[in-house]
């Protein structure tokens, strides 16, 4: 489909039992004289995040064309750490303590994760102070 800003952005429009995706990008039809509107069902999908736009034109026989735009902002999964700061308190030397951290995906899409230590993510003690202050 031409008139869109990303190749992975798919938009399908359905109306009056016809689908633009099944008809080579064109839907032909008639709005009867007594009808003041028709409904367009717009379905959007993207495989990448970010803002996506598509433009559509409606040619009207013996009338001026009209246009409309579809804008979506696709985002990835919403994942949060329920307890991002874990204070073990006083722990005896040479003892072993176990704790659990919960990470929750609150979105309807799967979240691929990669757990790294701070050495690989440029997160150290200096950065942690500023993160704690933001809360």
N, C-alpha and C. Protein backbone atom coordinates (compact mmCIF):
# COMPACT_ATOMS: atom_id res chain seq x y z
N UNK A 1 0.84 -1.18 0.00
CA UNK A 1 0.00 0.00 0.00
C UNK A 1 0.88 1.23 0.00
N UNK A 2 0.62 2.15 -0.87
CA UNK A 2 1.34 3.42 -0.88
C UNK A 2 0.67 4.39 0.09
N UNK A 3 1.36 5.48 0.41
CA UNK A 3 0.77 6.49 1.28
C UNK A 3 0.92 6.19 2.75
N UNK A 4 1.93 5.38 3.12
CA UNK A 4 2.18 5.11 4.53
C UNK A 4 3.66 5.33 4.82
N UNK A 5 3.98 5.61 6.08
CA UNK A 5 5.36 5.97 6.40
C UNK A 5 6.26 4.80 6.78
N UNK A 6 5.72 3.62 7.03
CA UNK A 6 6.53 2.45 7.37
C UNK A 6 6.03 1.23 6.61
N UNK A 7 6.98 0.47 6.10
CA UNK A 7 6.63 -0.72 5.32
C UNK A 7 5.91 -1.77 6.18
N UNK A 8 6.26 -1.87 7.47
CA UNK A 8 5.66 -2.90 8.33
C UNK A 8 4.27 -2.51 8.85
N UNK A 9 3.81 -1.31 8.53
CA UNK A 9 2.49 -0.83 8.98
C UNK A 9 1.43 -1.32 8.00
N UNK A 10 0.50 -2.12 8.50
CA UNK A 10 -0.59 -2.62 7.67
C UNK A 10 -1.91 -2.00 8.12
N UNK A 11 -2.66 -1.50 7.16
CA UNK A 11 -3.98 -0.94 7.43
C UNK A 11 -4.96 -1.59 6.47
N UNK A 12 -6.04 -2.10 7.00
CA UNK A 12 -7.10 -2.64 6.15
C UNK A 12 -8.39 -1.92 6.50
N UNK A 13 -9.13 -1.59 5.49
CA UNK A 13 -10.42 -0.92 5.67
C UNK A 13 -11.50 -1.83 5.13
N UNK A 14 -12.55 -1.97 5.92
CA UNK A 14 -13.68 -2.79 5.50
C UNK A 14 -14.94 -1.95 5.58
N UNK A 15 -15.79 -2.11 4.57
CA UNK A 15 -17.09 -1.45 4.57
C UNK A 15 -18.02 -2.17 3.61
N UNK A 16 -19.26 -2.16 3.93
CA UNK A 16 -20.30 -2.75 3.09
C UNK A 16 -19.93 -4.17 2.63
N UNK A 17 -19.29 -4.94 3.53
CA UNK A 17 -18.93 -6.32 3.22
C UNK A 17 -17.71 -6.47 2.34
N UNK A 18 -16.97 -5.39 2.09
CA UNK A 18 -15.79 -5.45 1.23
C UNK A 18 -14.56 -5.07 2.03
N UNK A 19 -13.42 -5.67 1.67
CA UNK A 19 -12.16 -5.41 2.35
C UNK A 19 -11.15 -4.85 1.35
N UNK A 20 -10.52 -3.73 1.71
CA UNK A 20 -9.52 -3.13 0.84
C UNK A 20 -8.34 -4.07 0.62
N UNK A 21 -7.98 -4.83 1.65
CA UNK A 21 -6.87 -5.76 1.54
C UNK A 21 -7.12 -6.87 0.53
N UNK A 22 -8.37 -7.24 0.32
CA UNK A 22 -8.70 -8.31 -0.61
C UNK A 22 -8.99 -7.80 -2.01
N UNK A 23 -9.08 -6.49 -2.17
CA UNK A 23 -9.46 -5.92 -3.47
C UNK A 23 -8.36 -5.02 -4.04
N UNK A 24 -7.10 -5.41 -3.87
CA UNK A 24 -5.97 -4.66 -4.43
C UNK A 24 -5.94 -3.19 -4.02
N UNK A 25 -6.37 -2.89 -2.81
CA UNK A 25 -6.25 -1.54 -2.28
C UNK A 25 -7.34 -0.57 -2.70
N UNK A 26 -8.42 -1.06 -3.29
CA UNK A 26 -9.49 -0.17 -3.75
C UNK A 26 -10.84 -0.78 -3.37
N UNK A 27 -11.69 0.04 -2.78
CA UNK A 27 -13.07 -0.39 -2.51
C UNK A 27 -13.99 0.53 -3.31
N UNK A 28 -14.84 -0.08 -4.11
CA UNK A 28 -15.83 0.70 -4.85
C UNK A 28 -17.19 0.44 -4.23
N UNK A 29 -18.00 1.47 -4.18
CA UNK A 29 -19.33 1.30 -3.62
C UNK A 29 -20.18 2.53 -3.89
N UNK A 30 -21.36 2.52 -3.33
CA UNK A 30 -22.31 3.61 -3.51
C UNK A 30 -22.89 3.96 -2.16
N UNK A 31 -22.97 5.25 -1.89
CA UNK A 31 -23.73 5.73 -0.73
C UNK A 31 -25.05 6.22 -1.30
N UNK A 32 -26.12 5.53 -0.96
CA UNK A 32 -27.43 5.89 -1.50
C UNK A 32 -27.81 7.31 -1.10
N UNK A 33 -28.69 7.91 -1.86
CA UNK A 33 -29.06 9.31 -1.67
C UNK A 33 -29.65 9.58 -0.28
N UNK A 34 -30.39 8.68 0.26
CA UNK A 34 -31.01 8.90 1.56
C UNK A 34 -30.07 8.60 2.73
N UNK A 35 -28.96 7.91 2.46
CA UNK A 35 -28.01 7.60 3.53
C UNK A 35 -27.12 8.81 3.76
N UNK A 36 -26.89 9.14 5.03
CA UNK A 36 -26.00 10.26 5.30
C UNK A 36 -24.62 9.81 5.73
N UNK A 37 -24.41 8.52 5.85
CA UNK A 37 -23.09 8.04 6.25
C UNK A 37 -22.95 6.54 5.97
N UNK A 38 -21.69 6.10 5.88
CA UNK A 38 -21.36 4.68 5.89
C UNK A 38 -20.27 4.50 6.93
N UNK A 39 -20.18 3.32 7.47
CA UNK A 39 -19.17 3.03 8.48
C UNK A 39 -17.97 2.36 7.82
N UNK A 40 -16.77 2.81 8.18
CA UNK A 40 -15.53 2.18 7.76
C UNK A 40 -14.91 1.52 8.98
N UNK A 41 -14.64 0.25 8.91
CA UNK A 41 -13.92 -0.44 9.97
C UNK A 41 -12.45 -0.43 9.57
N UNK A 42 -11.62 0.17 10.42
CA UNK A 42 -10.20 0.30 10.12
C UNK A 42 -9.42 -0.62 11.05
N UNK A 43 -8.61 -1.49 10.48
CA UNK A 43 -7.81 -2.45 11.24
C UNK A 43 -6.33 -2.11 11.02
N UNK A 44 -5.58 -1.95 12.10
CA UNK A 44 -4.17 -1.58 11.99
C UNK A 44 -3.30 -2.65 12.65
N UNK A 45 -2.06 -2.77 12.14
CA UNK A 45 -1.11 -3.75 12.66
C UNK A 45 0.29 -3.31 12.27
N UNK A 46 1.25 -3.52 13.17
CA UNK A 46 2.64 -3.22 12.85
C UNK A 46 3.55 -4.20 13.58
N UNK A 47 4.68 -4.51 12.96
CA UNK A 47 5.66 -5.39 13.58
C UNK A 47 6.77 -4.62 14.27
N UNK A 48 6.71 -3.29 14.22
CA UNK A 48 7.73 -2.48 14.89
C UNK A 48 7.06 -1.33 15.64
N UNK A 49 7.79 -0.82 16.62
CA UNK A 49 7.24 0.25 17.45
C UNK A 49 7.41 1.60 16.76
N UNK A 50 6.68 2.58 17.28
CA UNK A 50 6.80 3.94 16.78
C UNK A 50 5.52 4.42 16.13
N UNK A 51 5.56 5.68 15.69
CA UNK A 51 4.38 6.28 15.08
C UNK A 51 4.26 5.86 13.62
N UNK A 52 3.07 5.49 13.24
CA UNK A 52 2.78 5.08 11.86
C UNK A 52 1.63 5.92 11.33
N UNK A 53 1.72 6.27 10.06
CA UNK A 53 0.68 7.07 9.42
C UNK A 53 0.34 6.49 8.05
N UNK A 54 -0.90 6.63 7.67
CA UNK A 54 -1.33 6.24 6.33
C UNK A 54 -2.39 7.25 5.88
N UNK A 55 -2.36 7.56 4.58
CA UNK A 55 -3.30 8.52 4.01
C UNK A 55 -4.20 7.81 3.01
N UNK A 56 -5.47 8.19 3.01
CA UNK A 56 -6.45 7.60 2.11
C UNK A 56 -7.24 8.69 1.42
N UNK A 57 -7.59 8.43 0.16
CA UNK A 57 -8.37 9.38 -0.63
C UNK A 57 -9.63 8.69 -1.10
N UNK A 58 -10.70 9.45 -1.11
CA UNK A 58 -11.98 8.95 -1.60
C UNK A 58 -12.39 9.82 -2.77
N UNK A 59 -12.40 9.23 -3.96
CA UNK A 59 -12.85 9.94 -5.15
C UNK A 59 -14.36 9.83 -5.22
N UNK A 60 -15.01 10.93 -5.49
CA UNK A 60 -16.46 10.96 -5.58
C UNK A 60 -16.82 11.38 -7.00
N UNK A 61 -17.54 10.52 -7.67
CA UNK A 61 -17.92 10.83 -9.05
C UNK A 61 -18.75 12.11 -9.09
N UNK A 62 -18.37 13.02 -9.98
CA UNK A 62 -19.02 14.32 -10.13
C UNK A 62 -18.95 15.16 -8.86
N UNK A 63 -17.99 14.89 -8.00
CA UNK A 63 -17.80 15.67 -6.77
C UNK A 63 -16.31 15.76 -6.46
N UNK A 64 -15.99 16.56 -5.48
CA UNK A 64 -14.60 16.72 -5.09
C UNK A 64 -14.12 15.56 -4.22
N UNK A 65 -12.83 15.25 -4.30
CA UNK A 65 -12.30 14.16 -3.46
C UNK A 65 -12.21 14.58 -2.00
N UNK A 66 -12.26 13.59 -1.13
CA UNK A 66 -12.03 13.83 0.30
C UNK A 66 -10.92 12.89 0.74
N UNK A 67 -10.31 13.20 1.87
CA UNK A 67 -9.22 12.36 2.34
C UNK A 67 -9.32 12.19 3.85
N UNK A 68 -8.64 11.19 4.34
CA UNK A 68 -8.51 11.01 5.79
C UNK A 68 -7.17 10.35 6.08
N UNK A 69 -6.77 10.46 7.32
CA UNK A 69 -5.47 9.96 7.76
C UNK A 69 -5.67 9.02 8.94
N UNK A 70 -4.87 7.96 8.99
CA UNK A 70 -4.86 7.04 10.12
C UNK A 70 -3.49 7.18 10.78
N UNK A 71 -3.48 7.48 12.08
CA UNK A 71 -2.24 7.64 12.83
C UNK A 71 -2.28 6.71 14.03
N UNK A 72 -1.21 5.95 14.22
CA UNK A 72 -1.09 5.04 15.36
C UNK A 72 0.29 5.18 15.96
N UNK A 73 0.38 5.00 17.25
CA UNK A 73 1.67 4.96 17.91
C UNK A 73 1.81 3.59 18.57
N UNK A 74 2.54 2.71 17.92
CA UNK A 74 2.70 1.35 18.41
C UNK A 74 3.81 1.30 19.45
N UNK A 75 3.56 0.62 20.53
CA UNK A 75 4.56 0.47 21.57
C UNK A 75 4.76 -1.00 21.90
N UNK A 76 5.90 -1.29 22.46
CA UNK A 76 6.22 -2.66 22.83
C UNK A 76 5.54 -3.04 24.12
N UNK A 77 5.93 -4.17 24.67
CA UNK A 77 5.30 -4.65 25.90
C UNK A 77 5.57 -3.72 27.08
N UNK A 78 4.67 -3.75 28.03
CA UNK A 78 4.79 -2.96 29.25
C UNK A 78 5.22 -3.91 30.36
N UNK A 79 6.46 -3.76 30.76
CA UNK A 79 7.05 -4.65 31.77
C UNK A 79 7.50 -3.80 32.94
N UNK A 80 7.23 -4.27 34.14
CA UNK A 80 7.68 -3.51 35.32
C UNK A 80 8.25 -4.47 36.36
N UNK A 81 9.17 -3.93 37.12
CA UNK A 81 9.78 -4.66 38.22
C UNK A 81 9.03 -4.23 39.48
N UNK A 82 8.39 -5.16 40.14
CA UNK A 82 7.53 -4.82 41.28
C UNK A 82 8.32 -4.38 42.51
N UNK A 83 9.55 -4.80 42.63
CA UNK A 83 10.38 -4.38 43.76
C UNK A 83 11.80 -4.08 43.25
N UNK A 84 12.02 -2.91 42.62
CA UNK A 84 13.30 -2.64 41.97
C UNK A 84 14.47 -2.42 42.93
N UNK A 85 14.20 -2.10 44.17
CA UNK A 85 15.28 -1.93 45.15
C UNK A 85 15.10 -3.00 46.22
N UNK A 86 16.11 -3.82 46.40
CA UNK A 86 16.05 -4.93 47.34
C UNK A 86 17.08 -4.73 48.43
N UNK A 87 16.61 -4.30 49.56
CA UNK A 87 17.48 -4.06 50.71
C UNK A 87 17.46 -5.30 51.59
N UNK A 88 18.55 -6.02 51.61
CA UNK A 88 18.65 -7.24 52.40
C UNK A 88 18.82 -6.94 53.88
N UNK A 89 19.10 -5.68 54.20
CA UNK A 89 19.30 -5.35 55.60
C UNK A 89 20.60 -5.95 56.11
N UNK A 90 20.64 -6.27 57.37
CA UNK A 90 21.83 -6.85 57.99
C UNK A 90 21.92 -8.33 57.66
N UNK A 91 23.00 -8.72 57.00
CA UNK A 91 23.22 -10.12 56.62
C UNK A 91 24.54 -10.57 57.22
N UNK A 92 24.53 -11.68 57.85
CA UNK A 92 25.71 -12.23 58.51
C UNK A 92 26.75 -12.66 57.48
N UNK A 93 28.01 -12.35 57.72
CA UNK A 93 29.11 -12.75 56.86
C UNK A 93 29.13 -14.27 56.71
N UNK A 94 29.43 -14.74 55.52
CA UNK A 94 29.49 -16.16 55.17
C UNK A 94 28.15 -16.89 55.32
N UNK A 95 27.06 -16.13 55.32
CA UNK A 95 25.74 -16.77 55.34
C UNK A 95 25.13 -16.66 53.94
N UNK A 96 24.06 -17.36 53.73
CA UNK A 96 23.40 -17.38 52.43
C UNK A 96 21.94 -16.95 52.62
N UNK A 97 21.51 -15.94 51.89
CA UNK A 97 20.12 -15.46 51.94
C UNK A 97 19.51 -15.55 50.55
N UNK A 98 18.26 -15.90 50.44
CA UNK A 98 17.56 -15.98 49.15
C UNK A 98 16.36 -15.04 49.17
N UNK A 99 16.18 -14.32 48.07
CA UNK A 99 15.03 -13.44 47.90
C UNK A 99 14.54 -13.57 46.47
N UNK A 100 13.33 -13.16 46.21
CA UNK A 100 12.77 -13.19 44.87
C UNK A 100 12.42 -11.78 44.43
N UNK A 101 12.57 -11.54 43.15
CA UNK A 101 12.16 -10.28 42.53
C UNK A 101 11.10 -10.63 41.50
N UNK A 102 10.02 -9.90 41.48
CA UNK A 102 8.95 -10.16 40.52
C UNK A 102 9.01 -9.16 39.39
N UNK A 103 9.02 -9.69 38.17
CA UNK A 103 8.95 -8.87 36.97
C UNK A 103 7.65 -9.24 36.27
N UNK A 104 6.84 -8.24 35.97
CA UNK A 104 5.50 -8.50 35.46
C UNK A 104 5.30 -7.87 34.08
N UNK A 105 4.74 -8.65 33.17
CA UNK A 105 4.36 -8.15 31.85
C UNK A 105 2.86 -7.87 31.90
N UNK A 106 2.49 -6.60 31.84
CA UNK A 106 1.08 -6.21 31.96
C UNK A 106 0.42 -6.01 30.60
N UNK A 107 1.13 -6.31 29.52
CA UNK A 107 0.58 -6.09 28.19
C UNK A 107 0.11 -7.41 27.58
N UNK A 108 -0.69 -7.33 26.52
CA UNK A 108 -1.19 -8.55 25.88
C UNK A 108 -0.20 -9.20 24.91
N UNK A 109 1.02 -8.65 24.82
CA UNK A 109 2.01 -9.22 23.91
C UNK A 109 3.20 -9.75 24.71
N UNK A 110 3.87 -10.78 24.22
CA UNK A 110 5.02 -11.32 24.95
C UNK A 110 6.18 -10.34 24.99
N UNK A 111 6.98 -10.42 26.03
CA UNK A 111 8.15 -9.55 26.19
C UNK A 111 9.40 -10.41 26.26
N UNK A 112 10.26 -10.28 25.27
CA UNK A 112 11.54 -10.97 25.33
C UNK A 112 12.46 -10.15 26.22
N UNK A 113 13.12 -10.81 27.17
CA UNK A 113 13.98 -10.08 28.09
C UNK A 113 15.38 -10.64 28.06
N UNK A 114 16.31 -9.82 28.47
CA UNK A 114 17.71 -10.20 28.60
C UNK A 114 18.18 -9.58 29.91
N UNK A 115 18.53 -10.40 30.87
CA UNK A 115 18.97 -9.91 32.17
C UNK A 115 20.47 -9.75 32.14
N UNK A 116 20.94 -8.54 32.47
CA UNK A 116 22.37 -8.21 32.45
C UNK A 116 22.79 -7.66 33.80
N UNK A 117 24.07 -7.74 34.08
CA UNK A 117 24.56 -7.05 35.28
C UNK A 117 24.84 -5.60 34.93
N UNK A 118 25.07 -4.76 35.93
CA UNK A 118 25.24 -3.33 35.69
C UNK A 118 26.46 -3.02 34.84
N UNK A 119 27.45 -3.88 34.82
CA UNK A 119 28.64 -3.67 34.01
C UNK A 119 28.27 -3.58 32.53
N UNK A 120 27.28 -4.34 32.11
CA UNK A 120 26.86 -4.36 30.72
C UNK A 120 25.81 -3.30 30.40
N UNK A 121 25.33 -2.59 31.37
CA UNK A 121 24.26 -1.62 31.12
C UNK A 121 24.58 -0.22 31.61
N UNK A 122 25.82 0.01 32.01
CA UNK A 122 26.28 1.32 32.50
C UNK A 122 25.42 1.81 33.67
N UNK A 123 25.03 0.91 34.52
CA UNK A 123 24.26 1.26 35.71
C UNK A 123 25.10 0.89 36.91
N UNK A 124 25.47 1.89 37.67
CA UNK A 124 26.31 1.64 38.84
C UNK A 124 25.74 2.36 40.04
N UNK A 125 26.53 2.42 41.09
CA UNK A 125 26.06 3.04 42.32
C UNK A 125 25.75 4.52 42.14
N UNK A 126 26.48 5.22 41.30
CA UNK A 126 26.22 6.64 41.06
C UNK A 126 24.86 6.85 40.40
N UNK A 127 24.49 5.99 39.47
CA UNK A 127 23.20 6.11 38.79
C UNK A 127 22.05 5.71 39.70
N UNK A 128 22.25 4.75 40.58
CA UNK A 128 21.16 4.27 41.44
C UNK A 128 20.65 5.35 42.37
N UNK A 129 21.52 6.23 42.82
CA UNK A 129 21.08 7.32 43.70
C UNK A 129 20.10 8.21 42.97
N UNK A 130 20.37 8.54 41.70
CA UNK A 130 19.46 9.40 40.96
C UNK A 130 18.15 8.68 40.63
N UNK A 131 18.19 7.35 40.41
CA UNK A 131 16.96 6.60 40.17
C UNK A 131 16.08 6.61 41.41
N UNK A 132 16.67 6.44 42.58
CA UNK A 132 15.91 6.45 43.83
C UNK A 132 15.29 7.80 44.07
N UNK A 133 15.97 8.89 43.71
CA UNK A 133 15.46 10.23 43.93
C UNK A 133 14.29 10.55 42.99
N UNK A 134 14.21 9.89 41.84
CA UNK A 134 13.13 10.15 40.90
C UNK A 134 11.80 9.61 41.40
N UNK A 135 11.80 8.71 42.32
CA UNK A 135 10.55 8.09 42.80
C UNK A 135 9.85 8.96 43.79
